[in-house]
Amino acid sequence: MISNERRDCRRIALNHAVMMGVGDGFGQRGEIVDASVQGMRVRTTQSGFYVGQEVDISCLSQQAPIAVQPFRCRVVWENANNLEVGLKYLH
């Protein structure tokens, strides 16, 4: 079977709200579109992230308006036309 998939890992489609920020500021809402064990694709509410930038992500609870412990990612690609960024988890 021939596949056009260019990623090494299987991705899971999601629809999960996040807050995104750089440094001390969390100010941009986003939505995880899909994720794998190596990273995720996030649709943002506005452009402003660039390749190589480190971003803190905090998943928002579906049950309560609280954020869980944030984690850090690096932007590996960005598409300003559809406001999406590809993020790789940093350990």
PDB file of N, CA and C in Angstrom:
ATOM      1  N   MET A   1       0.839  -1.173   0.000  1.00  0.00           N
ATOM      2  CA  MET A   1       0.000   0.000   0.000  1.00  0.00           C
ATOM      3  C   MET A   1       0.889   1.243   0.000  1.00  0.00           C
ATOM      4  N   ILE A   2       0.559   2.208  -0.845  1.00  0.00           N
ATOM      5  CA  ILE A   2       1.310   3.453  -0.947  1.00  0.00           C
ATOM      6  C   ILE A   2       0.559   4.523  -0.175  1.00  0.00           C
ATOM      7  N   SER A   3       1.296   5.270   0.628  1.00  0.00           N
ATOM      8  CA  SER A   3       0.689   6.313   1.435  1.00  0.00           C
ATOM      9  C   SER A   3       1.344   7.648   1.119  1.00  0.00           C
ATOM     10  N   ASN A   4       0.566   8.711   1.141  1.00  0.00           N
ATOM     11  CA  ASN A   4       1.090  10.059   0.938  1.00  0.00           C
ATOM     12  C   ASN A   4       1.479  10.721   2.255  1.00  0.00           C
ATOM     13  N   GLU A   5       1.314  10.031   3.358  1.00  0.00           N
ATOM     14  CA  GLU A   5       1.639  10.583   4.672  1.00  0.00           C
ATOM     15  C   GLU A   5       3.128  10.828   4.777  1.00  0.00           C
ATOM     16  N   ARG A   6       3.521  12.043   5.121  1.00  0.00           N
ATOM     17  CA  ARG A   6       4.936  12.390   5.218  1.00  0.00           C
ATOM     18  C   ARG A   6       5.453  12.389   6.653  1.00  0.00           C
ATOM     19  N   ARG A   7       4.571  12.215   7.603  1.00  0.00           N
ATOM     20  CA  ARG A   7       4.991  12.222   9.007  1.00  0.00           C
ATOM     21  C   ARG A   7       5.400  10.824   9.444  1.00  0.00           C
ATOM     22  N   ASP A   8       6.283  10.790  10.453  1.00  0.00           N
ATOM     23  CA  ASP A   8       6.747   9.518  10.988  1.00  0.00           C
ATOM     24  C   ASP A   8       5.739   8.887  11.943  1.00  0.00           C
ATOM     25  N   CYS A   9       4.916   9.698  12.585  1.00  0.00           N
ATOM     26  CA  CYS A   9       4.015   9.214  13.624  1.00  0.00           C
ATOM     27  C   CYS A   9       2.554   9.429  13.237  1.00  0.00           C
ATOM     28  N   ARG A  10       1.724   8.536  13.680  1.00  0.00           N
ATOM     29  CA  ARG A  10       0.284   8.673  13.475  1.00  0.00           C
ATOM     30  C   ARG A  10      -0.228   9.856  14.293  1.00  0.00           C
ATOM     31  N   ARG A  11      -1.131  10.618  13.714  1.00  0.00           N
ATOM     32  CA  ARG A  11      -1.699  11.777  14.379  1.00  0.00           C
ATOM     33  C   ARG A  11      -3.159  11.503  14.729  1.00  0.00           C
ATOM     34  N   ILE A  12      -3.579  12.070  15.840  1.00  0.00           N
ATOM     35  CA  ILE A  12      -4.951  11.912  16.308  1.00  0.00           C
ATOM     36  C   ILE A  12      -5.652  13.260  16.182  1.00  0.00           C
ATOM     37  N   ALA A  13      -6.792  13.266  15.530  1.00  0.00           N
ATOM     38  CA  ALA A  13      -7.570  14.498  15.391  1.00  0.00           C
ATOM     39  C   ALA A  13      -8.147  14.898  16.748  1.00  0.00           C
ATOM     40  N   LEU A  14      -8.024  16.157  17.082  1.00  0.00           N
ATOM     41  CA  LEU A  14      -8.531  16.687  18.346  1.00  0.00           C
ATOM     42  C   LEU A  14      -9.276  17.986  18.090  1.00  0.00           C
ATOM     43  N   ASN A  15      -9.942  18.445  19.082  1.00  0.00           N
ATOM     44  CA  ASN A  15     -10.619  19.737  19.065  1.00  0.00           C
ATOM     45  C   ASN A  15     -10.552  20.239  20.501  1.00  0.00           C
ATOM     46  N   HIS A  16      -9.346  20.670  20.911  1.00  0.00           N
ATOM     47  CA  HIS A  16      -9.133  20.993  22.313  1.00  0.00           C
ATOM     48  C   HIS A  16      -8.584  22.409  22.463  1.00  0.00           C
ATOM     49  N   ALA A  17      -9.234  23.201  23.300  1.00  0.00           N
ATOM     50  CA  ALA A  17      -8.841  24.594  23.518  1.00  0.00           C
ATOM     51  C   ALA A  17      -7.547  24.696  24.318  1.00  0.00           C
ATOM     52  N   VAL A  18      -6.709  25.653  23.928  1.00  0.00           N
ATOM     53  CA  VAL A  18      -5.454  25.924  24.632  1.00  0.00           C
ATOM     54  C   VAL A  18      -5.254  27.427  24.747  1.00  0.00           C
ATOM     55  N   MET A  19      -4.390  27.795  25.676  1.00  0.00           N
ATOM     56  CA  MET A  19      -3.864  29.159  25.756  1.00  0.00           C
ATOM     57  C   MET A  19      -2.403  29.057  25.361  1.00  0.00           C
ATOM     58  N   MET A  20      -1.942  30.023  24.587  1.00  0.00           N
ATOM     59  CA  MET A  20      -0.566  30.025  24.110  1.00  0.00           C
ATOM     60  C   MET A  20       0.112  31.307  24.551  1.00  0.00           C
ATOM     61  N   GLY A  21       1.400  31.195  24.821  1.00  0.00           N
ATOM     62  CA  GLY A  21       2.128  32.384  25.220  1.00  0.00           C
ATOM     63  C   GLY A  21       3.612  32.238  25.039  1.00  0.00           C
ATOM     64  N   VAL A  22       4.280  33.362  25.120  1.00  0.00           N
ATOM     65  CA  VAL A  22       5.726  33.424  25.025  1.00  0.00           C
ATOM     66  C   VAL A  22       6.226  34.145  26.265  1.00  0.00           C
ATOM     67  N   GLY A  23       7.206  33.569  26.937  1.00  0.00           N
ATOM     68  CA  GLY A  23       7.725  34.191  28.154  1.00  0.00           C
ATOM     69  C   GLY A  23       6.701  34.147  29.267  1.00  0.00           C
ATOM     70  N   ASP A  24       6.455  35.291  29.892  1.00  0.00           N
ATOM     71  CA  ASP A  24       5.519  35.346  31.016  1.00  0.00           C
ATOM     72  C   ASP A  24       4.065  35.537  30.586  1.00  0.00           C
ATOM     73  N   GLY A  25       3.831  35.752  29.305  1.00  0.00           N
ATOM     74  CA  GLY A  25       2.474  36.084  28.884  1.00  0.00           C
ATOM     75  C   GLY A  25       1.721  34.968  28.188  1.00  0.00           C
ATOM     76  N   PHE A  26       0.541  34.656  28.700  1.00  0.00           N
ATOM     77  CA  PHE A  26      -0.401  33.766  28.024  1.00  0.00           C
ATOM     78  C   PHE A  26      -1.532  34.660  27.554  1.00  0.00           C
ATOM     79  N   GLY A  27      -1.640  34.853  26.272  1.00  0.00           N
ATOM     80  CA  GLY A  27      -2.668  35.768  25.844  1.00  0.00           C
ATOM     81  C   GLY A  27      -3.381  35.363  24.587  1.00  0.00           C
ATOM     82  N   GLN A  28      -2.967  34.292  23.961  1.00  0.00           N
ATOM     83  CA  GLN A  28      -3.598  33.921  22.712  1.00  0.00           C
ATOM     84  C   GLN A  28      -4.274  32.564  22.833  1.00  0.00           C
ATOM     85  N   ARG A  29      -5.543  32.546  22.486  1.00  0.00           N
ATOM     86  CA  ARG A  29      -6.275  31.278  22.482  1.00  0.00           C
ATOM     87  C   ARG A  29      -5.950  30.529  21.206  1.00  0.00           C
ATOM     88  N   GLY A  30      -6.048  29.220  21.300  1.00  0.00           N
ATOM     89  CA  GLY A  30      -5.841  28.374  20.142  1.00  0.00           C
ATOM     90  C   GLY A  30      -6.623  27.091  20.304  1.00  0.00           C
ATOM     91  N   GLU A  31      -6.490  26.237  19.306  1.00  0.00           N
ATOM     92  CA  GLU A  31      -7.174  24.955  19.336  1.00  0.00           C
ATOM     93  C   GLU A  31      -6.240  23.899  18.746  1.00  0.00           C
ATOM     94  N   ILE A  32      -6.008  22.828  19.494  1.00  0.00           N
ATOM     95  CA  ILE A  32      -5.218  21.725  18.961  1.00  0.00           C
ATOM     96  C   ILE A  32      -6.075  21.036  17.901  1.00  0.00           C
ATOM     97  N   VAL A  33      -5.564  20.993  16.677  1.00  0.00           N
ATOM     98  CA  VAL A  33      -6.277  20.368  15.566  1.00  0.00           C
ATOM     99  C   VAL A  33      -5.965  18.880  15.527  1.00  0.00           C
ATOM    100  N   ASP A  34      -4.680  18.542  15.649  1.00  0.00           N
ATOM    101  CA  ASP A  34      -4.264  17.145  15.736  1.00  0.00           C
ATOM    102  C   ASP A  34      -2.937  17.075  16.474  1.00  0.00           C
ATOM    103  N   ALA A  35      -2.619  15.859  16.968  1.00  0.00           N
ATOM    104  CA  ALA A  35      -1.408  15.694  17.767  1.00  0.00           C
ATOM    105  C   ALA A  35      -0.852  14.286  17.601  1.00  0.00           C
ATOM    106  N   SER A  36       0.450  14.157  17.866  1.00  0.00           N
ATOM    107  CA  SER A  36       1.127  12.867  17.858  1.00  0.00           C
ATOM    108  C   SER A  36       2.048  12.833  19.074  1.00  0.00           C
ATOM    109  N   VAL A  37       2.853  11.812  19.168  1.00  0.00           N
ATOM    110  CA  VAL A  37       3.789  11.711  20.289  1.00  0.00           C
ATOM    111  C   VAL A  37       4.938  12.700  20.153  1.00  0.00           C
ATOM    112  N   GLN A  38       5.106  13.309  18.976  1.00  0.00           N
ATOM    113  CA  GLN A  38       6.209  14.242  18.762  1.00  0.00           C
ATOM    114  C   GLN A  38       5.795  15.702  18.731  1.00  0.00           C
ATOM    115  N   GLY A  39       4.522  15.965  18.440  1.00  0.00           N
ATOM    116  CA  GLY A  39       4.106  17.357  18.325  1.00  0.00           C
ATOM    117  C   GLY A  39       2.637  17.490  18.009  1.00  0.00           C
ATOM    118  N   MET A  40       2.251  18.711  17.612  1.00  0.00           N
ATOM    119  CA  MET A  40       0.846  18.986  17.348  1.00  0.00           C
ATOM    120  C   MET A  40       0.697  20.114  16.345  1.00  0.00           C
ATOM    121  N   ARG A  41      -0.492  20.179  15.772  1.00  0.00           N
ATOM    122  CA  ARG A  41      -0.871  21.293  14.904  1.00  0.00           C
ATOM    123  C   ARG A  41      -1.913  22.094  15.654  1.00  0.00           C
ATOM    124  N   VAL A  42      -1.691  23.408  15.749  1.00  0.00           N
ATOM    125  CA  VAL A  42      -2.582  24.277  16.504  1.00  0.00           C
ATOM    126  C   VAL A  42      -3.072  25.402  15.600  1.00  0.00           C
ATOM    127  N   ARG A  43      -4.364  25.635  15.642  1.00  0.00           N
ATOM    128  CA  ARG A  43      -4.951  26.777  14.943  1.00  0.00           C
ATOM    129  C   ARG A  43      -5.050  27.904  15.960  1.00  0.00           C
ATOM    130  N   THR A  44      -4.529  29.056  15.610  1.00  0.00           N
ATOM    131  CA  THR A  44      -4.484  30.190  16.530  1.00  0.00           C
ATOM    132  C   THR A  44      -5.551  31.226  16.172  1.00  0.00           C
ATOM    133  N   THR A  45      -5.739  32.193  17.038  1.00  0.00           N
ATOM    134  CA  THR A  45      -6.721  33.239  16.784  1.00  0.00           C
ATOM    135  C   THR A  45      -6.119  34.411  16.025  1.00  0.00           C
ATOM    136  N   GLN A  46      -4.794  34.496  16.007  1.00  0.00           N
ATOM    137  CA  GLN A  46      -4.111  35.547  15.252  1.00  0.00           C
ATOM    138  C   GLN A  46      -2.688  35.095  14.952  1.00  0.00           C
ATOM    139  N   SER A  47      -2.089  35.681  13.931  1.00  0.00           N
ATOM    140  CA  SER A  47      -0.719  35.299  13.591  1.00  0.00           C
ATOM    141  C   SER A  47       0.247  35.932  14.584  1.00  0.00           C
ATOM    142  N   GLY A  48       1.510  35.617  14.459  1.00  0.00           N
ATOM    143  CA  GLY A  48       2.489  36.215  15.352  1.00  0.00           C
ATOM    144  C   GLY A  48       3.551  35.236  15.820  1.00  0.00           C
ATOM    145  N   PHE A  49       3.383  33.956  15.556  1.00  0.00           N
ATOM    146  CA  PHE A  49       4.395  32.975  15.917  1.00  0.00           C
ATOM    147  C   PHE A  49       5.295  32.727  14.713  1.00  0.00           C
ATOM    148  N   TYR A  50       6.559  32.428  14.967  1.00  0.00           N
ATOM    149  CA  TYR A  50       7.508  32.213  13.870  1.00  0.00           C
ATOM    150  C   TYR A  50       8.330  30.950  14.114  1.00  0.00           C
ATOM    151  N   VAL A  51       8.852  30.395  13.049  1.00  0.00           N
ATOM    152  CA  VAL A  51       9.645  29.165  13.113  1.00  0.00           C
ATOM    153  C   VAL A  51      10.852  29.377  14.019  1.00  0.00           C
ATOM    154  N   GLY A  52      11.060  28.427  14.921  1.00  0.00           N
ATOM    155  CA  GLY A  52      12.162  28.486  15.875  1.00  0.00           C
ATOM    156  C   GLY A  52      11.775  29.060  17.225  1.00  0.00           C
ATOM    157  N   GLN A  53      10.666  29.730  17.301  1.00  0.00           N
ATOM    158  CA  GLN A  53      10.205  30.343  18.544  1.00  0.00           C
ATOM    159  C   GLN A  53       9.743  29.274  19.529  1.00  0.00           C
ATOM    160  N   GLU A  54      10.051  29.459  20.813  1.00  0.00           N
ATOM    161  CA  GLU A  54       9.554  28.580  21.857  1.00  0.00           C
ATOM    162  C   GLU A  54       8.262  29.168  22.416  1.00  0.00           C
ATOM    163  N   VAL A  55       7.262  28.297  22.548  1.00  0.00           N
ATOM    164  CA  VAL A  55       5.922  28.710  22.944  1.00  0.00           C
ATOM    165  C   VAL A  55       5.467  27.846  24.111  1.00  0.00           C
ATOM    166  N   ASP A  56       4.852  28.462  25.098  1.00  0.00           N
ATOM    167  CA  ASP A  56       4.237  27.716  26.196  1.00  0.00           C
ATOM    168  C   ASP A  56       2.780  27.466  25.857  1.00  0.00           C
ATOM    169  N   ILE A  57       2.341  26.226  26.087  1.00  0.00           N
ATOM    170  CA  ILE A  57       0.972  25.811  25.802  1.00  0.00           C
ATOM    171  C   ILE A  57       0.333  25.336  27.099  1.00  0.00           C
ATOM    172  N   SER A  58      -0.869  25.788  27.330  1.00  0.00           N
ATOM    173  CA  SER A  58      -1.616  25.333  28.493  1.00  0.00           C
ATOM    174  C   SER A  58      -2.990  24.867  28.017  1.00  0.00           C
ATOM    175  N   CYS A  59      -3.268  23.583  28.206  1.00  0.00           N
ATOM    176  CA  CYS A  59      -4.562  23.026  27.799  1.00  0.00           C
ATOM    177  C   CYS A  59      -5.635  23.506  28.755  1.00  0.00           C
ATOM    178  N   LEU A  60      -6.750  23.918  28.218  1.00  0.00           N
ATOM    179  CA  LEU A  60      -7.859  24.381  29.037  1.00  0.00           C
ATOM    180  C   LEU A  60      -8.797  23.219  29.313  1.00  0.00           C
ATOM    181  N   SER A  61      -9.297  23.180  30.513  1.00  0.00           N
ATOM    182  CA  SER A  61     -10.212  22.122  30.923  1.00  0.00           C
ATOM    183  C   SER A  61     -11.570  22.301  30.253  1.00  0.00           C
ATOM    184  N   GLN A  62     -12.150  21.205  29.805  1.00  0.00           N
ATOM    185  CA  GLN A  62     -13.498  21.249  29.245  1.00  0.00           C
ATOM    186  C   GLN A  62     -14.536  21.387  30.358  1.00  0.00           C
ATOM    187  N   GLN A  63     -14.173  21.007  31.582  1.00  0.00           N
ATOM    188  CA  GLN A  63     -15.110  20.993  32.702  1.00  0.00           C
ATOM    189  C   GLN A  63     -15.136  22.301  33.486  1.00  0.00           C
ATOM    190  N   ALA A  64     -13.984  22.959  33.583  1.00  0.00           N
ATOM    191  CA  ALA A  64     -13.891  24.170  34.395  1.00  0.00           C
ATOM    192  C   ALA A  64     -12.930  25.142  33.710  1.00  0.00           C
ATOM    193  N   PRO A  65     -13.099  26.421  33.941  1.00  0.00           N
ATOM    194  CA  PRO A  65     -12.255  27.421  33.279  1.00  0.00           C
ATOM    195  C   PRO A  65     -10.886  27.570  33.943  1.00  0.00           C
ATOM    196  N   ILE A  66     -10.192  26.459  34.141  1.00  0.00           N
ATOM    197  CA  ILE A  66      -8.861  26.509  34.729  1.00  0.00           C
ATOM    198  C   ILE A  66      -7.864  25.912  33.749  1.00  0.00           C
ATOM    199  N   ALA A  67      -6.640  26.346  33.846  1.00  0.00           N
ATOM    200  CA  ALA A  67      -5.589  25.825  32.978  1.00  0.00           C
ATOM    201  C   ALA A  67      -4.763  24.812  33.754  1.00  0.00           C
ATOM    202  N   VAL A  68      -4.302  23.785  33.053  1.00  0.00           N
ATOM    203  CA  VAL A  68      -3.427  22.803  33.671  1.00  0.00           C
ATOM    204  C   VAL A  68      -1.980  23.233  33.455  1.00  0.00           C
ATOM    205  N   GLN A  69      -1.046  22.494  34.028  1.00  0.00           N
ATOM    206  CA  GLN A  69       0.372  22.818  33.947  1.00  0.00           C
ATOM    207  C   GLN A  69       0.804  23.020  32.488  1.00  0.00           C
ATOM    208  N   PRO A  70       1.390  24.178  32.170  1.00  0.00           N
ATOM    209  CA  PRO A  70       1.818  24.426  30.796  1.00  0.00           C
ATOM    210  C   PRO A  70       3.030  23.577  30.405  1.00  0.00           C
ATOM    211  N   PHE A  71       3.211  23.402  29.119  1.00  0.00           N
ATOM    212  CA  PHE A  71       4.381  22.717  28.601  1.00  0.00           C
ATOM    213  C   PHE A  71       4.928  23.516  27.435  1.00  0.00           C
ATOM    214  N   ARG A  72       6.188  23.282  27.113  1.00  0.00           N
ATOM    215  CA  ARG A  72       6.887  24.086  26.120  1.00  0.00           C
ATOM    216  C   ARG A  72       7.042  23.334  24.812  1.00  0.00           C
ATOM    217  N   CYS A  73       6.875  24.078  23.725  1.00  0.00           N
ATOM    218  CA  CYS A  73       7.026  23.542  22.371  1.00  0.00           C
ATOM    219  C   CYS A  73       7.868  24.516  21.547  1.00  0.00           C
ATOM    220  N   ARG A  74       8.346  24.040  20.413  1.00  0.00           N
ATOM    221  CA  ARG A  74       9.039  24.895  19.447  1.00  0.00           C
ATOM    222  C   ARG A  74       8.233  24.897  18.154  1.00  0.00           C
ATOM    223  N   VAL A  75       8.081  26.076  17.568  1.00  0.00           N
ATOM    224  CA  VAL A  75       7.387  26.203  16.288  1.00  0.00           C
ATOM    225  C   VAL A  75       8.298  25.653  15.197  1.00  0.00           C
ATOM    226  N   VAL A  76       7.825  24.644  14.453  1.00  0.00           N
ATOM    227  CA  VAL A  76       8.621  24.054  13.372  1.00  0.00           C
ATOM    228  C   VAL A  76       8.090  24.455  11.997  1.00  0.00           C
ATOM    229  N   TRP A  77       6.867  24.924  11.920  1.00  0.00           N
ATOM    230  CA  TRP A  77       6.334  25.516  10.695  1.00  0.00           C
ATOM    231  C   TRP A  77       5.172  26.421  11.068  1.00  0.00           C
ATOM    232  N   GLU A  78       4.884  27.375  10.197  1.00  0.00           N
ATOM    233  CA  GLU A  78       3.734  28.240  10.418  1.00  0.00           C
ATOM    234  C   GLU A  78       3.087  28.559   9.078  1.00  0.00           C
ATOM    235  N   ASN A  79       1.781  28.703   9.108  1.00  0.00           N
ATOM    236  CA  ASN A  79       1.014  29.044   7.930  1.00  0.00           C
ATOM    237  C   ASN A  79       0.129  30.228   8.305  1.00  0.00           C
ATOM    238  N   ALA A  80       0.564  31.423   7.932  1.00  0.00           N
ATOM    239  CA  ALA A  80      -0.162  32.635   8.301  1.00  0.00           C
ATOM    240  C   ALA A  80      -1.511  32.735   7.599  1.00  0.00           C
ATOM    241  N   ASN A  81      -1.660  32.067   6.458  1.00  0.00           N
ATOM    242  CA  ASN A  81      -2.925  32.151   5.726  1.00  0.00           C
ATOM    243  C   ASN A  81      -4.075  31.497   6.475  1.00  0.00           C
ATOM    244  N   ASN A  82      -3.819  30.357   7.136  1.00  0.00           N
ATOM    245  CA  ASN A  82      -4.893  29.701   7.883  1.00  0.00           C
ATOM    246  C   ASN A  82      -4.664  29.724   9.394  1.00  0.00           C
ATOM    247  N   LEU A  83      -3.691  30.544   9.835  1.00  0.00           N
ATOM    248  CA  LEU A  83      -3.403  30.756  11.257  1.00  0.00           C
ATOM    249  C   LEU A  83      -3.083  29.452  11.992  1.00  0.00           C
ATOM    250  N   GLU A  84      -2.326  28.562  11.352  1.00  0.00           N
ATOM    251  CA  GLU A  84      -1.921  27.318  11.979  1.00  0.00           C
ATOM    252  C   GLU A  84      -0.410  27.278  12.165  1.00  0.00           C
ATOM    253  N   VAL A  85       0.007  26.608  13.242  1.00  0.00           N
ATOM    254  CA  VAL A  85       1.425  26.385  13.495  1.00  0.00           C
ATOM    255  C   VAL A  85       1.637  24.912  13.812  1.00  0.00           C
ATOM    256  N   GLY A  86       2.792  24.416  13.409  1.00  0.00           N
ATOM    257  CA  GLY A  86       3.213  23.062  13.766  1.00  0.00           C
ATOM    258  C   GLY A  86       4.178  23.170  14.924  1.00  0.00           C
ATOM    259  N   LEU A  87       3.935  22.445  15.991  1.00  0.00           N
ATOM    260  CA  LEU A  87       4.738  22.531  17.200  1.00  0.00           C
ATOM    261  C   LEU A  87       5.375  21.188  17.515  1.00  0.00           C
ATOM    262  N   LYS A  88       6.623  21.222  17.962  1.00  0.00           N
ATOM    263  CA  LYS A  88       7.336  20.032  18.424  1.00  0.00           C
ATOM    264  C   LYS A  88       7.512  20.170  19.930  1.00  0.00           C
ATOM    265  N   TYR A  89       7.206  19.094  20.656  1.00  0.00           N
ATOM    266  CA  TYR A  89       7.349  19.134  22.106  1.00  0.00           C
ATOM    267  C   TYR A  89       8.815  19.248  22.490  1.00  0.00           C
ATOM    268  N   LEU A  90       9.102  20.041  23.497  1.00  0.00           N
ATOM    269  CA  LEU A  90      10.446  20.140  24.074  1.00  0.00           C
ATOM    270  C   LEU A  90      10.450  19.410  25.409  1.00  0.00           C
ATOM    271  N   HIS A  91      11.495  18.677  25.676  1.00  0.00           N
ATOM    272  CA  HIS A  91      11.550  17.883  26.914  1.00  0.00           C
ATOM    273  C   HIS A  91      12.389  18.554  27.951  1.00  0.00           C
TER     274      HIS A  91
END
